[in-house]
Protein backbone atom coordinates (compact mmCIF):
# COMPACT_ATOMS: atom_id res chain seq x y z
CA MET A 1 -50.82 18.95 223.60
CA SER A 2 -49.15 15.56 223.31
CA ASN A 3 -47.28 16.72 220.20
CA LEU A 4 -46.08 19.80 222.08
CA LYS A 5 -44.69 17.65 224.91
CA TYR A 6 -42.66 15.60 222.45
CA ARG A 7 -41.32 18.80 220.86
CA ILE A 8 -40.29 20.26 224.21
CA GLY A 9 -38.73 16.95 225.22
CA ALA A 10 -36.66 16.81 222.01
CA ILE A 11 -35.40 20.38 222.49
CA VAL A 12 -34.47 19.79 226.14
CA ALA A 13 -32.75 16.48 225.29
CA LEU A 14 -30.66 18.15 222.61
CA CYS A 15 -29.72 20.92 225.03
CA ILE A 16 -28.52 18.34 227.57
CA LEU A 17 -26.52 16.46 224.92
CA SER A 18 -24.98 19.72 223.68
CA VAL A 19 -23.93 20.78 227.17
CA TRP A 20 -22.42 17.33 227.73
CA ALA A 21 -20.51 17.54 224.42
CA LEU A 22 -19.06 20.93 225.38
CA PHE A 23 -18.41 20.19 229.04
CA PRO A 24 -14.68 20.24 229.97
CA ARG A 25 -13.27 16.80 230.72
CA ASN A 26 -10.06 15.14 231.81
CA VAL A 27 -7.83 13.80 229.03
CA THR A 28 -4.53 11.95 229.28
CA VAL A 29 -1.73 13.29 227.09
CA ARG A 30 1.95 12.36 226.77
CA GLN A 31 4.42 15.12 227.53
CA PRO A 32 8.18 15.29 228.08
CA GLY A 33 8.94 15.01 231.78
CA ALA A 34 12.13 15.06 233.79
CA GLY A 35 15.12 14.10 231.69
CA GLY A 36 13.06 14.21 228.50
CA VAL A 37 11.18 11.01 229.37
CA MET A 38 7.62 10.94 227.98
CA THR A 39 5.06 10.67 230.79
CA ASP A 40 1.25 10.56 230.94
CA VAL A 41 -0.28 13.81 232.20
CA VAL A 42 -3.99 14.38 232.99
CA GLN A 43 -5.31 17.73 231.76
CA ARG A 44 -8.67 19.50 231.92
CA ARG A 45 -9.67 20.38 228.37
CA VAL A 46 -12.69 21.81 226.53
CA PRO A 47 -13.63 19.49 223.63
CA LEU A 48 -13.81 22.36 221.12
CA ARG A 49 -10.19 23.01 220.21
CA ARG A 50 -8.61 26.13 218.72
CA GLY A 51 -6.59 26.25 215.53
CA LEU A 52 -3.09 27.41 214.70
CA ASP A 53 -4.17 31.02 214.20
CA LEU A 54 -5.76 31.17 217.67
CA GLN A 55 -3.41 29.15 219.91
CA GLY A 56 -0.36 28.08 217.92
CA GLY A 57 0.91 24.51 217.90
CA THR A 58 3.78 22.29 216.76
CA TYR A 59 6.02 22.91 213.76
CA LEU A 60 7.76 20.00 211.99
CA ALA A 61 10.18 20.30 209.09
CA LEU A 62 10.75 17.07 207.13
CA GLU A 63 13.58 16.27 204.74
CA VAL A 64 14.68 13.22 202.75
CA ASP A 65 16.73 10.89 204.94
CA GLU A 66 19.68 10.19 202.65
CA SER A 67 21.32 7.97 205.27
CA LYS A 68 18.62 5.36 204.64
CA GLN A 69 18.26 5.75 200.89
CA ALA A 70 20.75 7.28 198.48
CA ILE A 71 19.08 9.78 196.15
CA THR A 72 20.56 12.23 193.67
CA PRO A 73 19.89 15.95 194.33
CA ASP A 74 17.96 16.36 191.08
CA LYS A 75 15.41 13.74 192.18
CA ILE A 76 14.74 15.18 195.64
CA PRO A 77 12.08 17.75 194.53
CA ASP A 78 10.07 15.01 192.79
CA ALA A 79 10.33 12.73 195.83
CA ILE A 80 9.15 15.54 198.11
CA ASP A 81 6.18 16.22 195.81
CA ARG A 82 5.15 12.55 195.95
CA ALA A 83 5.61 12.37 199.74
CA LEU A 84 3.50 15.49 200.34
CA LYS A 85 0.12 13.80 199.83
CA THR A 86 1.07 10.79 201.97
CA VAL A 87 2.17 13.02 204.86
CA ARG A 88 -1.04 15.07 204.61
CA ASN A 89 -3.19 11.92 204.68
CA ARG A 90 -1.37 10.62 207.75
CA ILE A 91 -1.67 13.88 209.69
CA GLU A 92 -5.39 14.11 208.92
CA GLY A 93 -5.77 10.42 209.77
CA ILE A 94 -4.62 10.83 213.40
CA GLY A 95 -7.54 13.21 213.99
CA VAL A 96 -5.66 16.49 213.54
CA SER A 97 -7.95 19.00 211.86
CA GLU A 98 -6.80 22.31 210.39
CA ALA A 99 -3.19 21.12 210.06
CA ILE A 100 -1.06 22.88 207.45
CA VAL A 101 1.04 20.55 205.31
CA GLN A 102 2.93 22.23 202.50
CA LYS A 103 6.15 22.17 200.54
CA GLN A 104 8.88 24.62 201.52
CA GLY A 105 11.48 25.26 198.87
CA SER A 106 12.33 22.20 196.81
CA ASP A 107 13.62 19.84 199.50
CA ARG A 108 11.45 20.21 202.60
CA ILE A 109 7.90 19.52 203.82
CA VAL A 110 6.54 21.75 206.59
CA VAL A 111 3.83 20.44 208.93
CA GLN A 112 2.08 22.80 211.36
CA ILE A 113 -0.23 21.03 213.82
CA PRO A 114 -2.56 23.10 216.02
CA GLY A 115 -2.20 22.59 219.75
CA ILE A 116 -1.02 18.98 219.61
CA GLN A 117 0.15 17.74 223.03
CA ASP A 118 2.07 14.69 221.78
CA PRO A 119 4.47 15.84 219.04
CA GLU A 120 6.51 12.63 219.37
CA HIS A 121 3.49 10.60 218.27
CA ALA A 122 3.01 12.83 215.22
CA LYS A 123 6.72 12.60 214.37
CA GLU A 124 6.69 8.80 214.41
CA ILE A 125 3.55 8.62 212.27
CA VAL A 126 5.00 11.02 209.70
CA LYS A 127 8.43 9.37 209.51
CA GLN A 128 7.27 5.77 209.19
CA GLN A 129 7.86 4.66 205.63
CA ALA A 130 5.13 1.95 205.73
CA PHE A 131 6.52 -0.22 202.92
CA LEU A 132 4.60 -3.50 203.20
CA GLU A 133 5.82 -6.81 201.76
CA PHE A 134 4.81 -10.47 201.99
CA ARG A 135 7.74 -12.91 201.87
CA ILE A 136 8.12 -16.66 202.21
CA THR A 137 10.40 -17.89 204.99
CA ASP A 138 13.42 -20.00 204.06
CA LYS A 139 12.94 -23.77 204.40
CA THR A 140 16.35 -24.86 203.05
CA GLN A 141 18.45 -23.96 206.13
CA ALA A 142 20.55 -21.82 203.84
CA LEU A 143 21.83 -19.67 206.72
CA GLU A 144 23.68 -22.58 208.36
CA ARG A 145 25.86 -23.03 205.27
CA VAL A 146 27.12 -19.42 205.31
CA LEU A 147 27.54 -18.93 209.07
CA PRO A 148 31.30 -19.69 209.00
CA ARG A 149 31.71 -17.01 206.34
CA LEU A 150 29.67 -14.51 208.37
CA ASP A 151 31.77 -15.24 211.47
CA GLN A 152 34.93 -14.69 209.40
CA ILE A 153 33.66 -11.28 208.19
CA VAL A 154 32.91 -10.22 211.76
CA ARG A 155 36.41 -11.30 212.87
CA ASP A 156 38.11 -9.57 209.92
CA LYS A 157 36.35 -6.30 210.77
CA GLY A 158 37.40 -6.60 214.41
CA LEU A 159 33.80 -6.72 215.64
CA ALA A 160 33.87 -10.14 217.31
CA THR A 161 33.43 -10.09 221.08
CA THR A 162 32.82 -12.81 223.59
CA LYS A 163 30.54 -10.64 225.74
CA GLY A 164 26.93 -11.68 225.55
CA THR A 165 27.58 -14.66 223.26
CA SER A 166 26.78 -18.28 224.07
CA THR A 167 29.59 -20.77 223.54
CA PRO A 168 29.89 -24.45 224.42
CA SER A 169 31.95 -23.49 227.48
CA GLN A 170 29.32 -21.03 228.62
CA PRO A 171 26.21 -22.75 229.99
CA ALA A 172 23.82 -20.20 228.57
CA ALA A 173 20.36 -20.44 227.04
CA SER A 174 21.78 -21.90 223.82
CA LYS A 175 22.19 -25.36 225.34
CA GLY A 176 18.70 -25.28 226.75
CA LEU A 177 17.30 -24.25 223.41
CA GLN A 178 19.26 -26.91 221.56
CA GLY A 179 17.87 -29.46 223.96
CA LEU A 180 14.34 -28.39 223.12
CA LEU A 181 15.06 -28.47 219.41
CA THR A 182 14.99 -32.04 218.17
CA ASP A 183 11.44 -33.20 218.81
CA THR A 184 9.76 -29.94 217.84
CA ALA A 185 11.75 -29.65 214.66
CA LYS A 186 10.89 -33.20 213.64
CA SER A 187 7.21 -32.63 214.31
CA ALA A 188 7.31 -29.45 212.27
CA GLY A 189 8.97 -31.37 209.48
CA ALA A 190 6.23 -33.99 209.59
CA LYS A 191 3.57 -31.31 209.27
CA ASN A 192 5.33 -29.89 206.23
CA ASP A 193 5.95 -33.19 204.44
CA SER A 194 4.66 -31.65 201.20
CA SER A 195 7.87 -29.62 201.06
CA LYS A 196 10.94 -31.09 199.37
CA ALA A 197 13.25 -29.22 201.73
CA ASP A 198 14.94 -30.85 204.67
CA THR A 199 13.57 -29.26 207.83
CA THR A 200 15.45 -31.49 210.26
CA ALA A 201 17.16 -29.37 212.87
CA ALA A 202 20.86 -28.82 212.39
CA THR A 203 23.15 -27.82 215.20
CA LEU A 204 24.33 -24.29 214.67
CA PRO A 205 28.01 -23.52 215.10
CA THR A 206 28.60 -21.54 218.26
CA GLY A 207 31.32 -19.28 219.52
CA GLY A 208 31.61 -17.15 216.39
CA GLY A 209 31.09 -13.40 216.45
CA PHE A 210 27.83 -13.81 214.54
CA SER A 211 26.73 -17.42 215.04
CA GLY A 212 27.33 -17.26 218.79
CA MET A 213 24.44 -14.81 219.18
CA ILE A 214 21.75 -16.69 217.24
CA GLN A 215 19.88 -19.87 218.07
CA GLN A 216 17.42 -21.96 216.17
CA SER A 217 13.88 -21.57 217.43
CA PRO A 218 12.51 -24.50 219.49
CA SER A 219 9.26 -24.18 217.52
CA GLY A 220 10.93 -25.76 214.49
CA MET A 221 9.51 -23.07 212.17
CA PRO A 222 11.62 -22.91 208.99
CA GLY A 223 13.77 -19.81 208.85
CA GLU A 224 13.07 -18.71 212.45
CA TYR A 225 15.94 -17.88 214.80
CA LEU A 226 16.12 -16.38 218.28
CA VAL A 227 18.54 -13.80 219.67
CA GLU A 228 18.75 -12.65 223.28
CA SER A 229 17.29 -9.16 223.56
CA SER A 230 20.61 -7.78 224.79
CA ASN A 231 22.24 -8.87 221.52
CA ALA A 232 19.36 -8.07 219.15
CA GLN A 233 20.59 -4.59 218.17
CA LYS A 234 24.12 -5.91 217.60
CA VAL A 235 22.79 -8.58 215.23
CA GLU A 236 20.78 -5.93 213.37
CA ASP A 237 23.93 -3.82 213.03
CA PHE A 238 25.84 -6.81 211.64
CA LEU A 239 23.06 -7.56 209.14
CA ALA A 240 23.25 -3.97 207.89
CA LEU A 241 26.93 -4.33 206.93
CA PRO A 242 27.46 -4.50 203.13
CA GLU A 243 29.86 -7.44 203.52
CA ILE A 244 27.31 -9.42 205.54
CA LYS A 245 24.56 -8.65 203.01
CA ALA A 246 26.81 -9.85 200.17
CA ALA A 247 27.66 -13.06 202.01
CA MET A 248 24.06 -14.03 202.73
CA PRO A 249 22.65 -17.01 200.75
CA PRO A 250 21.60 -16.03 197.20
CA GLY A 251 18.06 -14.68 197.13
CA LYS A 252 17.74 -14.65 200.94
CA GLU A 253 17.66 -11.97 203.64
CA MET A 254 17.62 -12.12 207.43
CA LEU A 255 15.17 -9.67 208.97
CA PRO A 256 14.38 -8.77 212.60
CA SER A 257 10.92 -9.16 214.07
CA ASN A 258 8.85 -6.86 216.24
CA ASP A 259 7.93 -9.86 218.39
CA SER A 260 9.68 -11.30 221.43
CA THR A 261 9.58 -14.64 223.25
CA VAL A 262 10.35 -15.58 226.85
CA LEU A 263 12.12 -18.92 227.31
CA GLN A 264 13.77 -20.12 230.51
CA ASN A 265 13.30 -16.68 232.07
CA LYS A 266 15.13 -14.95 229.23
CA THR A 267 13.68 -12.69 226.55
CA TYR A 268 14.52 -13.39 222.92
CA LYS A 269 13.85 -11.40 219.77
CA GLY A 270 12.88 -13.23 216.62
CA PHE A 271 14.87 -13.09 213.38
CA TYR A 272 13.70 -14.67 210.13
CA VAL A 273 15.50 -15.76 206.98
CA VAL A 274 13.14 -14.95 204.12
CA ASP A 275 13.13 -14.79 200.33
CA ALA A 276 14.59 -11.50 199.13
CA LYS A 277 11.85 -11.18 196.52
CA PRO A 278 8.37 -10.56 197.95
CA ILE A 279 5.39 -12.42 196.54
CA ILE A 280 3.43 -9.14 196.71
CA THR A 281 3.83 -5.62 198.14
CA GLY A 282 1.46 -3.16 199.77
CA GLU A 283 0.95 -1.13 196.59
CA TYR A 284 -2.29 -3.05 196.02
CA LEU A 285 -3.66 -2.34 199.50
CA THR A 286 -6.95 -0.39 199.55
CA ASP A 287 -7.97 -0.46 203.22
CA ALA A 288 -6.65 -1.39 206.66
CA ARG A 289 -8.55 -1.42 209.97
CA PRO A 290 -7.48 -2.27 213.55
CA ASN A 291 -9.30 -5.02 215.39
CA THR A 292 -8.94 -7.39 218.31
CA SER A 293 -9.08 -11.17 218.21
CA GLN A 294 -9.77 -13.46 221.17
CA PHE A 295 -6.93 -15.81 220.19
CA GLU A 296 -4.46 -13.54 218.35
CA GLY A 297 -4.85 -10.30 220.30
CA THR A 298 -4.54 -7.03 218.43
CA VAL A 299 -4.54 -7.34 214.64
CA VAL A 300 -4.80 -5.12 211.57
CA GLN A 301 -7.16 -6.42 208.90
CA PHE A 302 -6.34 -5.33 205.36
CA THR A 303 -8.01 -5.47 201.95
CA LEU A 304 -6.33 -5.63 198.54
CA ASP A 305 -7.76 -4.44 195.24
CA ASN A 306 -8.90 -6.91 192.58
CA VAL A 307 -5.53 -7.02 190.80
CA GLY A 308 -3.64 -7.51 194.04
CA GLY A 309 -6.18 -10.08 195.24
CA ARG A 310 -5.75 -12.22 192.12
CA ARG A 311 -1.96 -12.05 192.33
CA PHE A 312 -1.97 -12.77 196.08
CA LYS A 313 -4.25 -15.77 195.57
CA ALA A 314 -2.03 -17.17 192.83
CA GLU A 315 1.19 -16.73 194.82
CA THR A 316 -0.15 -18.11 198.10
CA GLY A 317 -1.67 -21.02 196.17
CA ARG A 318 1.85 -21.98 195.10
CA HIS A 319 3.12 -21.82 198.68
CA VAL A 320 0.48 -23.77 200.60
CA HIS A 321 1.96 -25.14 203.89
CA ASP A 322 4.82 -22.63 203.72
CA TYR A 323 5.24 -19.83 206.26
CA MET A 324 4.65 -16.26 205.07
CA ALA A 325 6.35 -13.33 206.78
CA ILE A 326 4.52 -10.00 206.73
CA VAL A 327 7.26 -7.38 206.50
CA LEU A 328 6.80 -3.68 207.24
CA ASP A 329 9.76 -1.38 206.65
CA GLY A 330 12.19 -4.31 206.79
CA ARG A 331 10.79 -5.72 210.05
CA VAL A 332 8.66 -8.88 210.36
CA MET A 333 5.29 -8.17 211.98
CA GLY A 334 4.59 -10.95 214.48
CA ARG A 335 5.31 -14.63 213.84
CA PRO A 336 4.83 -15.67 210.21
CA PRO A 337 1.56 -17.60 209.79
CA ILE A 338 1.40 -20.85 207.83
CA ILE A 339 -0.45 -20.65 204.51
CA GLN A 340 -3.30 -23.16 204.84
CA SER A 341 -4.84 -22.35 201.44
CA ALA A 342 -4.80 -19.69 198.75
CA ILE A 343 -5.54 -16.21 200.17
CA GLY A 344 -7.59 -13.64 198.21
CA THR A 345 -8.21 -9.96 198.85
CA ASN A 346 -8.51 -10.07 202.65
CA GLY A 347 -5.88 -10.79 205.27
CA GLN A 348 -4.58 -9.63 208.63
CA ILE A 349 -1.38 -8.60 210.38
CA THR A 350 -0.85 -9.83 213.95
CA MET A 351 0.60 -7.10 216.18
CA GLY A 352 2.48 -9.41 218.53
CA GLY A 353 0.87 -8.32 221.80
CA ARG A 354 1.01 -4.58 221.08
CA ASP A 355 -1.91 -2.36 222.12
CA ILE A 356 -4.81 -1.07 220.02
CA GLN A 357 -3.12 2.33 219.58
CA ALA A 358 -0.23 0.65 217.74
CA ALA A 359 -2.75 -1.16 215.54
CA GLN A 360 -4.54 2.12 214.80
CA ASP A 361 -1.24 3.79 213.86
CA LEU A 362 -0.26 0.91 211.59
CA ALA A 363 -3.68 0.86 209.91
CA LEU A 364 -3.40 4.62 209.37
CA VAL A 365 -0.01 4.55 207.66
CA LEU A 366 -1.05 1.59 205.52
CA ARG A 367 -4.20 3.42 204.36
CA ALA A 368 -2.26 6.60 203.68
CA GLY A 369 0.29 4.67 201.62
CA ALA A 370 4.01 4.15 201.81
CA LEU A 371 6.36 7.10 201.57
CA PRO A 372 8.28 7.14 198.27
CA VAL A 373 11.44 8.00 200.23
CA PRO A 374 12.33 7.82 203.94
CA LEU A 375 11.93 11.14 205.76
CA ARG A 376 13.64 12.56 208.83
CA VAL A 377 12.52 15.36 211.12
CA ALA A 378 15.00 18.17 210.48
CA GLU A 379 13.39 20.65 212.87
CA VAL A 380 10.68 20.65 215.51
CA ARG A 381 9.50 23.59 217.61
CA ASN A 382 6.46 25.15 219.20
CA ILE A 383 4.87 28.14 217.42
CA GLY A 384 2.61 30.92 218.67
CA PRO A 385 -0.74 32.08 217.23
CA SER A 386 -0.21 32.90 213.55
CA MET A 387 -2.77 35.73 213.52
CA GLY A 388 -1.26 37.59 216.47
CA GLN A 389 -3.10 38.43 219.69
CA ASP A 390 -4.24 41.82 218.42
CA SER A 391 -5.82 40.36 215.28
CA ILE A 392 -7.55 37.66 217.35
CA LYS A 393 -9.11 40.27 219.65
CA LYS A 394 -10.31 42.33 216.70
CA GLY A 395 -11.78 39.24 215.05
CA PHE A 396 -13.75 38.27 218.15
CA ARG A 397 -14.89 41.89 218.59
CA ALA A 398 -16.15 42.02 215.01
CA GLY A 399 -18.08 38.78 215.48
CA ALA A 400 -19.65 40.01 218.72
CA ILE A 401 -20.73 43.30 217.08
CA ALA A 402 -22.25 41.44 214.13
CA ILE A 403 -24.29 39.17 216.43
CA ALA A 404 -25.42 42.15 218.57
CA VAL A 405 -26.62 44.03 215.47
CA VAL A 406 -28.58 41.01 214.27
CA VAL A 407 -30.24 40.62 217.70
CA PHE A 408 -31.09 44.33 217.88
CA ILE A 409 -32.68 44.38 214.42
CA MET A 410 -34.77 41.29 215.14
CA LEU A 411 -36.06 42.71 218.43
CA PHE A 412 -36.69 46.19 217.01
CA TYR A 413 -38.37 45.11 213.76
CA TYR A 414 -40.27 41.95 214.77
CA ARG A 415 -40.77 42.63 218.51
CA PHE A 416 -42.27 39.59 220.29
CA SER A 417 -41.72 37.29 217.29
CA GLY A 418 -38.18 38.65 217.07
CA ALA A 419 -37.65 37.72 220.72
CA LEU A 420 -38.71 34.15 219.93
CA ALA A 421 -36.22 34.13 217.03
CA VAL A 422 -33.44 35.39 219.35
CA ALA A 423 -34.27 32.63 221.86
CA GLY A 424 -34.02 30.11 219.01
CA LEU A 425 -30.74 31.77 218.02
CA ALA A 426 -29.30 31.11 221.48
CA LEU A 427 -30.11 27.42 221.13
CA TYR A 428 -28.69 27.52 217.61
CA VAL A 429 -25.31 28.70 218.99
CA LEU A 430 -25.35 25.90 221.57
CA TYR A 431 -26.24 23.20 219.02
CA THR A 432 -23.69 24.38 216.47
CA LEU A 433 -20.80 24.41 218.94
CA ALA A 434 -21.82 20.94 220.13
CA ILE A 435 -21.83 19.64 216.54
CA LEU A 436 -18.36 21.06 215.97
CA ALA A 437 -17.11 19.49 219.22
CA GLY A 438 -18.69 16.15 218.26
CA PHE A 439 -16.80 16.13 214.96
CA ASP A 440 -13.57 17.14 216.75
CA ALA A 441 -13.45 20.31 214.66
CA VAL A 442 -10.84 23.00 215.31
CA LEU A 443 -12.02 26.57 215.75
CA THR A 444 -10.15 29.11 213.60
CA LEU A 445 -10.80 32.73 212.70
CA PRO A 446 -12.12 31.75 209.24
CA GLY A 447 -14.26 29.18 211.05
CA LEU A 448 -15.62 31.90 213.33
CA ALA A 449 -16.39 33.95 210.23
CA GLY A 450 -18.38 31.01 208.86
CA PHE A 451 -20.12 30.70 212.23
CA VAL A 452 -21.20 34.38 212.23
CA LEU A 453 -22.32 34.06 208.61
CA SER A 454 -24.43 31.01 209.49
CA ILE A 455 -26.09 33.08 212.25
CA GLY A 456 -27.19 35.53 209.57
CA ILE A 457 -28.50 32.62 207.50
CA ALA A 458 -30.41 31.29 210.54
CA VAL A 459 -32.06 34.68 211.03
CA ASP A 460 -32.80 34.86 207.31
CA ALA A 461 -35.01 31.77 207.60
CA ASN A 462 -36.97 33.43 210.42
CA VAL A 463 -37.31 36.60 208.36
CA LEU A 464 -38.91 34.61 205.52
CA ILE A 465 -41.30 32.93 207.96
CA PHE A 466 -42.25 36.16 209.75
CA GLU A 467 -42.91 38.04 206.51
CA ARG A 468 -45.13 35.21 205.33
CA ILE A 469 -47.03 35.27 208.64
CA ARG A 470 -47.56 39.02 208.20
CA GLU A 471 -49.05 38.40 204.75
CA GLU A 472 -51.42 35.79 206.13
CA LEU A 473 -52.51 38.14 208.94
CA ASP A 474 -53.13 40.94 206.41
CA ARG A 475 -55.50 38.58 204.60
CA GLY A 476 -57.63 38.36 207.74
CA LYS A 477 -56.64 34.88 208.94
CA THR A 478 -56.50 34.01 212.61
CA VAL A 479 -53.19 34.09 214.44
CA ARG A 480 -52.94 30.30 214.72
CA THR A 481 -53.76 29.79 211.01
CA ALA A 482 -51.37 32.58 209.96
CA ILE A 483 -48.52 30.96 211.90
CA ASP A 484 -49.23 27.53 210.40
CA GLU A 485 -49.49 28.93 206.87
CA GLY A 486 -46.44 31.12 207.32
CA PHE A 487 -44.20 28.17 208.23
CA ARG A 488 -45.67 25.96 205.50
CA HIS A 489 -45.36 28.44 202.63
CA ALA A 490 -41.90 29.71 203.61
CA MET A 491 -40.46 26.21 203.70
CA PRO A 492 -39.60 25.82 199.95
CA ALA A 493 -37.62 29.09 199.88
CA ILE A 494 -35.76 28.17 203.10
CA ILE A 495 -34.84 24.71 201.80
CA ASP A 496 -33.66 26.04 198.41
CA SER A 497 -31.43 28.74 199.90
CA ASN A 498 -29.86 26.43 202.48
CA VAL A 499 -29.26 23.54 200.07
CA SER A 500 -27.38 25.82 197.66
CA THR A 501 -25.22 27.10 200.51
CA VAL A 502 -24.50 23.57 201.76
CA LEU A 503 -23.44 22.48 198.26
CA THR A 504 -21.02 25.42 198.05
CA ALA A 505 -19.59 24.61 201.50
CA ALA A 506 -19.25 20.93 200.53
CA VAL A 507 -17.14 21.89 197.50
CA LEU A 508 -14.93 24.09 199.71
CA TYR A 509 -14.51 21.21 202.17
CA GLN A 510 -13.69 18.67 199.47
CA TYR A 511 -11.10 20.72 197.62
CA GLY A 512 -9.95 23.17 200.28
CA THR A 513 -7.25 22.73 202.90
CA GLY A 514 -6.54 24.20 206.33
CA PRO A 515 -8.58 27.35 207.15
CA VAL A 516 -10.78 26.93 204.06
CA LYS A 517 -11.89 23.53 205.36
CA GLY A 518 -12.55 25.07 208.77
CA PHE A 519 -14.79 27.70 207.20
CA ALA A 520 -16.72 25.00 205.31
CA VAL A 521 -17.16 22.75 208.37
CA THR A 522 -18.54 25.51 210.59
CA LEU A 523 -20.82 26.75 207.80
CA ILE A 524 -22.32 23.29 207.21
CA ALA A 525 -22.76 22.64 210.94
CA GLY A 526 -24.36 26.07 211.33
CA ILE A 527 -26.83 25.50 208.52
CA ALA A 528 -27.87 22.12 209.95
CA ALA A 529 -28.48 23.69 213.35
CA SER A 530 -30.21 26.75 211.86
CA LEU A 531 -32.74 24.64 209.97
CA PHE A 532 -33.67 22.88 213.18
CA THR A 533 -33.92 26.00 215.34
CA SER A 534 -35.64 28.33 212.86
CA ILE A 535 -38.23 25.76 211.77
CA PHE A 536 -38.70 23.36 214.69
CA VAL A 537 -37.66 25.33 217.78
CA VAL A 538 -39.24 28.70 216.91
CA ARG A 539 -42.48 27.00 215.88
CA THR A 540 -42.50 25.14 219.21
CA PHE A 541 -42.12 28.49 220.99
CA TYR A 542 -45.16 29.77 219.05
CA MET A 543 -47.13 26.67 220.05
CA ILE A 544 -46.27 27.20 223.73
CA TRP A 545 -47.37 30.85 223.49
CA LEU A 546 -50.65 29.95 221.75
CA ASN A 547 -51.43 27.35 224.42
CA ARG A 548 -50.79 29.79 227.25
CA SER A 549 -52.62 32.73 225.63
CA ARG A 550 -55.72 30.62 224.88
CA GLY A 551 -56.18 31.68 221.28
CA ALA A 552 -54.64 35.18 221.12
CA GLN A 553 -56.31 37.57 218.69
CA THR A 554 -53.20 39.59 217.88
CA LEU A 555 -49.53 38.79 217.31
CA SER A 556 -46.62 41.17 217.88
CA ILE A 557 -44.78 40.82 214.58
């Protein structure tokens, strides 16, 4: 009796968990509001989502962005082929199941995402190039020597303006920053006495079209400069000019940061002069995971392969006490950390106060790999159900008829035992849907076909058990013994048939895409639930009946 109580308790507990997993809940999604501004909207949603063929979704068309990287027309098809896998990995990585990612023609990638409520998020994830580099910041103050030339280029191109710049006659933040500069710079130089470079602060020229917008950082970090947020985009535009790039110090680049600093009630963006040649790139990266640190906030921890780890250790060993900028798509991620000792295969990227969602997105694109070429979204639109409403209705009707036929046959042929199997089948449906919801699966018509097929497999296990019980009863055994023997002897055949089906579904899941994966997922979930219900649940029902009937002499089977 004690064993029976535990069995009933397990079944009831699973029912409660399944109902909770399927219960509609409030979710917050981002949607375009008034004026196209993205706003948070609370919606009531069932956890089990429908696929493209049942509800439609978002359509994205991606093309090579030739404005960011020049590429000859004959190389575009190859670049699209190489970008296809990266885009697919990113879409699957943000938790979108049943997405269709395929090549269209020779110059376009088409992404169809079922029912996504935040297409802007998907667009940003797909477009991000995710080219990771590690560069050493400049410690020679090379920028100061070329600032007059940069100012001259800005004047010659007619881009110099006095608006927003800090000059000696304008008591702006530049004077305050210069006043903070001397002591901190000297202390930074003392800490870096192993370096041959002169890190003593030099007064930057002011008033020029370029130099008037940048200030040395009061932290004294080599290669770090600050720009008022209002001028940050203008400085980035100047740095993108071919003439400015050519006039930069040999082997150096000036890159913007994703970080900002508040000084004297003003917000500044960081800019860093770094070596043009990276010490290592992200091609050796094998894993990246978001995390939070008590002192550094949100971070992304990454792992390099053995080859990359050895190279990273050798390069950082040569730059101990230097500052290393972590650069993603030409932008410095957070403030460059100082290299205290040689670094091996593990490291981290500080997100500069950004939230955990940004860290998750960055980790995702790093794991998926960098795009071989920059992409742009050429077209985005909402699409309707691909199967058509009429086909959807017919598909559901066919599934309902198939289930009704199975129930009728079980009740007609096995009578009372068939009724117990049908009761187990009802719990099987509940458990299977809960499993699919727990794995965030998307329900498609092929998935429903796999679900109906798994119902037949679940009944098949009961058929094997019932036929074996009949044989034991024909041999003159008691009802209780026949039931025990029937379950025990039918077990090997049930296990063999289900394992072979699971292996087939696993192959479909591994090598299939889109609807084929959906079919495999529902089939595997159905088999797992069917084994539990046909063996554990139905036997528990028999035990309850035997206890209440006080040793019945006959069994309706």
